[in-house]
Amino acid sequence: LIEIKIAFERCIKEMQLRFETRIFLEALCKQINLMSLKETANLFGISKKVLIKTLLRRRYFYKNEEGVVLPIDQFKGVYFQVKSKRNNKGEMFKRQIFTTAKGRYEILSLLKYYGI
């Protein structure tokens, strides 16, 4: 009888967590679809530096030979989008990484899993 009660309480907690996550995800989707990494970090209450280091450690991002942080190709377009700006000579001078709603949900689950 005690085991059934514990299992029932665990089931209720899981349902509450799913409901809270669903509400949070819907709130994220209602906002602008793309958010910069700084806005995403502020949303989760962490610094941009911690977010980037976490994504580098978990192999969502990599550093190219120039030392520029970029998302791995399989996550581009799904979780992240990279927008580049060029100067008049055609040289790249600014890259900005944005997260999609699906990417923010993945980051949220990653942060919850690793307790960050």
Protein backbone atom coordinates (compact mmCIF):
# COMPACT_ATOMS: atom_id res chain seq x y z
CA LEU A 1 0.00 0.00 0.00
CA ILE A 2 2.85 2.41 0.80
CA GLU A 3 4.58 1.59 -2.51
CA ILE A 4 1.39 2.36 -4.44
CA LYS A 5 1.06 5.68 -2.63
CA ILE A 6 4.69 6.62 -3.42
CA ALA A 7 4.23 5.63 -7.07
CA PHE A 8 1.02 7.68 -7.26
CA GLU A 9 2.75 10.75 -5.75
CA ARG A 10 5.65 10.37 -8.21
CA CYS A 11 3.18 10.16 -11.10
CA ILE A 12 1.44 13.35 -9.93
CA LYS A 13 4.79 15.20 -9.68
CA GLU A 14 5.72 14.11 -13.22
CA MET A 15 2.37 15.30 -14.55
CA GLN A 16 2.81 18.68 -12.83
CA LEU A 17 6.31 19.05 -14.30
CA ARG A 18 5.05 18.21 -17.80
CA PHE A 19 2.23 20.73 -17.42
CA GLU A 20 4.63 23.47 -16.23
CA THR A 21 7.03 22.68 -19.08
CA ARG A 22 4.18 22.81 -21.60
CA ILE A 23 3.03 26.21 -20.33
CA PHE A 24 6.63 27.47 -20.43
CA LEU A 25 7.10 26.19 -23.98
CA GLU A 26 3.87 27.80 -25.15
CA ALA A 27 5.00 31.10 -23.62
CA LEU A 28 8.30 30.82 -25.47
CA CYS A 29 6.56 30.09 -28.77
CA LYS A 30 4.28 33.09 -28.36
CA GLN A 31 7.32 35.33 -28.14
CA ILE A 32 9.45 36.11 -31.15
CA ASN A 33 10.56 32.84 -32.73
CA LEU A 34 14.24 33.79 -32.83
CA MET A 35 16.09 35.05 -29.76
CA SER A 36 19.77 35.91 -29.43
CA LEU A 37 21.95 33.88 -27.08
CA LYS A 38 22.04 36.79 -24.63
CA GLU A 39 18.23 37.01 -24.52
CA THR A 40 18.01 33.22 -24.15
CA ALA A 41 20.50 33.24 -21.27
CA ASN A 42 18.58 36.06 -19.55
CA LEU A 43 15.36 34.08 -19.98
CA PHE A 44 16.88 31.14 -18.09
CA GLY A 45 18.56 33.34 -15.49
CA ILE A 46 22.18 32.54 -16.40
CA SER A 47 24.94 34.51 -18.08
CA LYS A 48 25.69 34.27 -21.78
CA LYS A 49 29.18 33.01 -20.99
CA VAL A 50 27.83 30.09 -18.91
CA LEU A 51 25.33 29.22 -21.66
CA ILE A 52 28.01 29.16 -24.37
CA LYS A 53 30.41 27.12 -22.21
CA THR A 54 27.65 24.62 -21.46
CA LEU A 55 26.75 24.27 -25.13
CA LEU A 56 30.43 23.86 -26.04
CA ARG A 57 30.88 21.15 -23.40
CA ARG A 58 27.76 19.28 -24.52
CA ARG A 59 28.87 19.42 -28.19
CA TYR A 60 26.11 21.69 -29.47
CA PHE A 61 28.72 24.30 -30.45
CA TYR A 62 32.30 24.15 -31.66
CA LYS A 63 35.13 26.62 -32.22
CA ASN A 64 36.45 26.91 -35.75
CA GLU A 65 40.11 27.54 -36.62
CA GLU A 66 39.61 31.30 -36.18
CA GLY A 67 38.26 30.75 -32.65
CA VAL A 68 34.69 31.68 -33.58
CA VAL A 69 31.97 29.78 -31.74
CA LEU A 70 29.40 28.23 -34.12
CA PRO A 71 26.66 25.61 -33.78
CA ILE A 72 27.28 22.13 -35.16
CA ASP A 73 25.79 21.68 -38.66
CA GLN A 74 23.14 19.14 -37.59
CA PHE A 75 21.65 21.72 -35.18
CA LYS A 76 21.66 24.67 -37.61
CA GLY A 77 18.17 25.54 -38.73
CA VAL A 78 16.58 23.27 -36.12
CA TYR A 79 17.82 24.64 -32.80
CA PHE A 80 20.02 27.53 -33.90
CA GLN A 81 20.31 29.98 -36.78
CA VAL A 82 23.42 31.94 -37.70
CA LYS A 83 23.03 35.34 -39.32
CA SER A 84 26.07 36.99 -40.88
CA LYS A 85 26.70 40.59 -41.86
CA ARG A 86 29.34 41.62 -44.40
CA ASN A 87 31.06 44.92 -45.00
CA ASN A 88 31.35 46.70 -48.37
CA LYS A 89 34.33 44.57 -49.42
CA GLY A 90 32.36 41.38 -48.88
CA GLU A 91 34.32 40.34 -45.80
CA MET A 92 32.40 38.87 -42.90
CA PHE A 93 32.53 41.16 -39.88
CA LYS A 94 29.70 40.00 -37.65
CA ARG A 95 28.04 36.65 -36.93
CA GLN A 96 25.14 36.35 -34.55
CA ILE A 97 23.64 33.10 -33.28
CA PHE A 98 19.91 32.92 -32.60
CA THR A 99 17.92 30.18 -30.88
CA THR A 100 14.59 28.89 -32.16
CA ALA A 101 11.70 27.92 -29.88
CA LYS A 102 12.70 24.27 -30.27
CA GLY A 103 16.28 25.19 -29.42
CA ARG A 104 15.19 27.01 -26.26
CA TYR A 105 13.23 23.96 -25.18
CA GLU A 106 16.29 21.75 -25.80
CA ILE A 107 18.48 24.15 -23.80
CA LEU A 108 15.92 24.17 -20.98
CA SER A 109 15.91 20.37 -20.80
CA LEU A 110 19.72 20.36 -20.97
CA LEU A 111 19.99 22.83 -18.09
CA LYS A 112 17.47 20.88 -16.00
CA TYR A 113 19.23 17.57 -16.68
CA TYR A 114 22.66 18.85 -15.67
CA GLY A 115 21.33 21.04 -12.87
CA ILE A 116 22.72 24.33 -14.11
